[in-house]
Amino acid sequence: MLVYGDQQHTAPTSRILGRVRSEAAGLAVAPPGIRWHQGCVAMFVTVAGLMQGVADAEFTIGGWDDLSPRNRVS
């Protein structure tokens, strides 16, 4: 997926995590099909935005991009 633009969004981490939990709960009871798939994509985009926010905050603090324990996915 390629996304271009300079949009900024600020939200407390707790709100984003609450949204992820809500999206996950919806997926747990959703029947298979296109709506389930759409829910998966929505949750992926939410989590990806959170991870990018962590990386952006670390860049602001450190002045360079790095694979720190907080932004490394294993």
N, C-alpha and C. Protein backbone atom coordinates (compact mmCIF):
# COMPACT_ATOMS: atom_id res chain seq x y z
N MET A 1 0.85 -1.15 0.00
CA MET A 1 0.00 0.00 0.00
C MET A 1 0.90 1.23 0.00
N LEU A 2 0.65 2.15 -0.88
CA LEU A 2 1.38 3.40 -0.91
C LEU A 2 0.45 4.53 -0.50
N VAL A 3 0.88 5.33 0.43
CA VAL A 3 0.10 6.46 0.89
C VAL A 3 1.01 7.68 0.86
N TYR A 4 0.56 8.71 0.19
CA TYR A 4 1.36 9.92 0.10
C TYR A 4 0.59 11.06 0.73
N GLY A 5 1.30 11.98 1.33
CA GLY A 5 0.67 13.15 1.90
C GLY A 5 1.34 13.54 3.20
N ASP A 6 1.01 14.72 3.66
CA ASP A 6 1.59 15.23 4.90
C ASP A 6 0.49 15.47 5.93
N GLN A 7 -0.41 14.54 6.06
CA GLN A 7 -1.48 14.68 7.04
C GLN A 7 -0.93 14.43 8.43
N GLN A 8 -1.41 15.19 9.38
CA GLN A 8 -1.02 14.98 10.77
C GLN A 8 -2.26 14.71 11.59
N HIS A 9 -2.12 13.80 12.54
CA HIS A 9 -3.22 13.44 13.43
C HIS A 9 -2.62 13.21 14.80
N THR A 10 -3.18 13.84 15.80
CA THR A 10 -2.69 13.68 17.16
C THR A 10 -3.80 13.09 18.02
N ALA A 11 -3.47 12.03 18.76
CA ALA A 11 -4.44 11.39 19.65
C ALA A 11 -3.68 10.68 20.76
N PRO A 12 -4.27 10.59 21.93
CA PRO A 12 -3.63 9.84 23.01
C PRO A 12 -3.49 8.36 22.63
N THR A 13 -2.37 7.78 23.01
CA THR A 13 -2.14 6.36 22.72
C THR A 13 -3.27 5.50 23.27
N SER A 14 -3.76 5.84 24.45
CA SER A 14 -4.84 5.05 25.06
C SER A 14 -6.09 5.05 24.19
N ARG A 15 -6.38 6.15 23.51
CA ARG A 15 -7.55 6.20 22.63
C ARG A 15 -7.34 5.28 21.42
N ILE A 16 -6.14 5.31 20.85
CA ILE A 16 -5.86 4.46 19.69
C ILE A 16 -5.91 2.99 20.09
N LEU A 17 -5.32 2.65 21.24
CA LEU A 17 -5.37 1.26 21.70
C LEU A 17 -6.81 0.83 21.98
N GLY A 18 -7.62 1.71 22.51
CA GLY A 18 -9.04 1.40 22.72
C GLY A 18 -9.75 1.13 21.41
N ARG A 19 -9.40 1.90 20.39
CA ARG A 19 -9.98 1.68 19.06
C ARG A 19 -9.57 0.33 18.50
N VAL A 20 -8.30 -0.03 18.68
CA VAL A 20 -7.82 -1.33 18.21
C VAL A 20 -8.56 -2.45 18.93
N ARG A 21 -8.72 -2.33 20.24
CA ARG A 21 -9.44 -3.36 21.01
C ARG A 21 -10.88 -3.48 20.52
N SER A 22 -11.52 -2.36 20.26
CA SER A 22 -12.89 -2.37 19.77
C SER A 22 -12.98 -3.03 18.39
N GLU A 23 -12.04 -2.68 17.52
CA GLU A 23 -12.02 -3.28 16.18
C GLU A 23 -11.78 -4.78 16.27
N ALA A 24 -10.88 -5.21 17.16
CA ALA A 24 -10.59 -6.63 17.33
C ALA A 24 -11.81 -7.38 17.87
N ALA A 25 -12.52 -6.76 18.81
CA ALA A 25 -13.72 -7.39 19.36
C ALA A 25 -14.78 -7.57 18.27
N GLY A 26 -14.91 -6.59 17.41
CA GLY A 26 -15.85 -6.70 16.30
C GLY A 26 -15.48 -7.82 15.35
N LEU A 27 -14.18 -7.96 15.10
CA LEU A 27 -13.72 -9.03 14.20
C LEU A 27 -13.96 -10.41 14.81
N ALA A 28 -13.87 -10.51 16.13
CA ALA A 28 -14.02 -11.80 16.80
C ALA A 28 -15.41 -12.38 16.61
N VAL A 29 -16.40 -11.54 16.40
CA VAL A 29 -17.78 -12.03 16.26
C VAL A 29 -18.33 -11.88 14.85
N ALA A 30 -17.54 -11.29 13.96
CA ALA A 30 -18.01 -11.05 12.59
C ALA A 30 -17.92 -12.34 11.77
N PRO A 31 -18.93 -12.58 10.96
CA PRO A 31 -18.86 -13.75 10.08
C PRO A 31 -17.84 -13.50 8.97
N PRO A 32 -17.31 -14.58 8.39
CA PRO A 32 -16.37 -14.41 7.29
C PRO A 32 -17.03 -13.68 6.11
N GLY A 33 -16.24 -12.97 5.38
CA GLY A 33 -16.76 -12.27 4.22
C GLY A 33 -16.13 -10.90 4.08
N ILE A 34 -16.73 -10.11 3.21
CA ILE A 34 -16.15 -8.81 2.86
C ILE A 34 -16.14 -7.85 4.05
N ARG A 35 -17.16 -7.88 4.88
CA ARG A 35 -17.19 -6.98 6.04
C ARG A 35 -16.09 -7.34 7.04
N TRP A 36 -15.84 -8.63 7.23
CA TRP A 36 -14.75 -9.07 8.10
C TRP A 36 -13.42 -8.58 7.53
N HIS A 37 -13.25 -8.73 6.22
CA HIS A 37 -12.03 -8.27 5.56
C HIS A 37 -11.86 -6.77 5.73
N GLN A 38 -12.93 -6.02 5.55
CA GLN A 38 -12.86 -4.57 5.73
C GLN A 38 -12.45 -4.22 7.17
N GLY A 39 -12.95 -4.97 8.13
CA GLY A 39 -12.57 -4.76 9.52
C GLY A 39 -11.10 -5.02 9.76
N CYS A 40 -10.58 -6.08 9.12
CA CYS A 40 -9.15 -6.39 9.23
C CYS A 40 -8.31 -5.25 8.66
N VAL A 41 -8.71 -4.75 7.53
CA VAL A 41 -7.97 -3.65 6.89
C VAL A 41 -8.02 -2.41 7.77
N ALA A 42 -9.19 -2.10 8.33
CA ALA A 42 -9.33 -0.93 9.20
C ALA A 42 -8.42 -1.06 10.42
N MET A 43 -8.39 -2.25 11.02
CA MET A 43 -7.55 -2.45 12.19
C MET A 43 -6.07 -2.35 11.82
N PHE A 44 -5.69 -2.89 10.67
CA PHE A 44 -4.31 -2.79 10.20
C PHE A 44 -3.90 -1.33 10.05
N VAL A 45 -4.76 -0.53 9.44
CA VAL A 45 -4.45 0.89 9.23
C VAL A 45 -4.32 1.61 10.57
N THR A 46 -5.18 1.28 11.53
CA THR A 46 -5.10 1.88 12.86
C THR A 46 -3.78 1.54 13.54
N VAL A 47 -3.41 0.26 13.53
CA VAL A 47 -2.17 -0.17 14.16
C VAL A 47 -0.95 0.42 13.44
N ALA A 48 -0.99 0.45 12.12
CA ALA A 48 0.12 1.03 11.35
C ALA A 48 0.29 2.51 11.68
N GLY A 49 -0.81 3.23 11.84
CA GLY A 49 -0.73 4.63 12.22
C GLY A 49 -0.13 4.81 13.60
N LEU A 50 -0.50 3.93 14.53
CA LEU A 50 0.07 3.99 15.87
C LEU A 50 1.57 3.73 15.82
N MET A 51 1.98 2.72 15.08
CA MET A 51 3.41 2.41 14.97
C MET A 51 4.19 3.55 14.31
N GLN A 52 3.59 4.18 13.32
CA GLN A 52 4.26 5.32 12.68
C GLN A 52 4.38 6.48 13.65
N GLY A 53 3.37 6.66 14.49
CA GLY A 53 3.43 7.70 15.51
C GLY A 53 4.56 7.47 16.50
N VAL A 54 4.76 6.21 16.89
CA VAL A 54 5.87 5.88 17.79
C VAL A 54 7.19 6.20 17.11
N ALA A 55 7.33 5.80 15.85
CA ALA A 55 8.57 6.07 15.12
C ALA A 55 8.79 7.57 14.95
N ASP A 56 7.73 8.32 14.67
CA ASP A 56 7.86 9.77 14.52
C ASP A 56 8.28 10.43 15.83
N ALA A 57 7.71 9.97 16.94
CA ALA A 57 8.08 10.54 18.25
C ALA A 57 9.55 10.26 18.56
N GLU A 58 9.99 9.05 18.26
CA GLU A 58 11.40 8.73 18.50
C GLU A 58 12.31 9.56 17.60
N PHE A 59 11.89 9.81 16.38
CA PHE A 59 12.68 10.65 15.48
C PHE A 59 12.79 12.06 16.05
N THR A 60 11.69 12.57 16.57
CA THR A 60 11.69 13.92 17.15
C THR A 60 12.66 13.99 18.33
N ILE A 61 12.68 12.96 19.15
CA ILE A 61 13.56 12.94 20.33
C ILE A 61 15.02 12.74 19.92
N GLY A 62 15.28 11.75 19.05
CA GLY A 62 16.66 11.38 18.73
C GLY A 62 17.27 12.10 17.55
N GLY A 63 16.43 12.62 16.66
CA GLY A 63 16.94 13.33 15.50
C GLY A 63 17.26 12.45 14.31
N TRP A 64 17.02 11.14 14.42
CA TRP A 64 17.25 10.23 13.29
C TRP A 64 16.36 9.00 13.46
N ASP A 65 16.13 8.30 12.34
CA ASP A 65 15.35 7.06 12.36
C ASP A 65 16.24 5.92 12.83
N ASP A 66 15.67 5.04 13.64
CA ASP A 66 16.41 3.90 14.15
C ASP A 66 15.41 2.78 14.47
N LEU A 67 15.88 1.55 14.42
CA LEU A 67 15.04 0.42 14.82
C LEU A 67 15.24 0.18 16.32
N SER A 68 14.46 0.89 17.10
CA SER A 68 14.54 0.73 18.56
C SER A 68 13.63 -0.41 18.98
N PRO A 69 13.77 -0.86 20.22
CA PRO A 69 12.87 -1.92 20.72
C PRO A 69 11.40 -1.52 20.65
N ARG A 70 11.10 -0.23 20.74
CA ARG A 70 9.70 0.22 20.72
C ARG A 70 9.08 0.16 19.32
N ASN A 71 9.88 0.28 18.28
CA ASN A 71 9.27 0.27 16.94
C ASN A 71 9.69 -0.93 16.11
N ARG A 72 10.33 -1.89 16.73
CA ARG A 72 10.70 -3.11 16.02
C ARG A 72 9.54 -4.12 16.13
N VAL A 73 9.15 -4.68 15.02
CA VAL A 73 8.08 -5.67 15.01
C VAL A 73 8.74 -7.05 14.90
N SER A 74 8.38 -7.92 15.82
CA SER A 74 8.95 -9.27 15.77
C SER A 74 7.88 -10.32 15.75
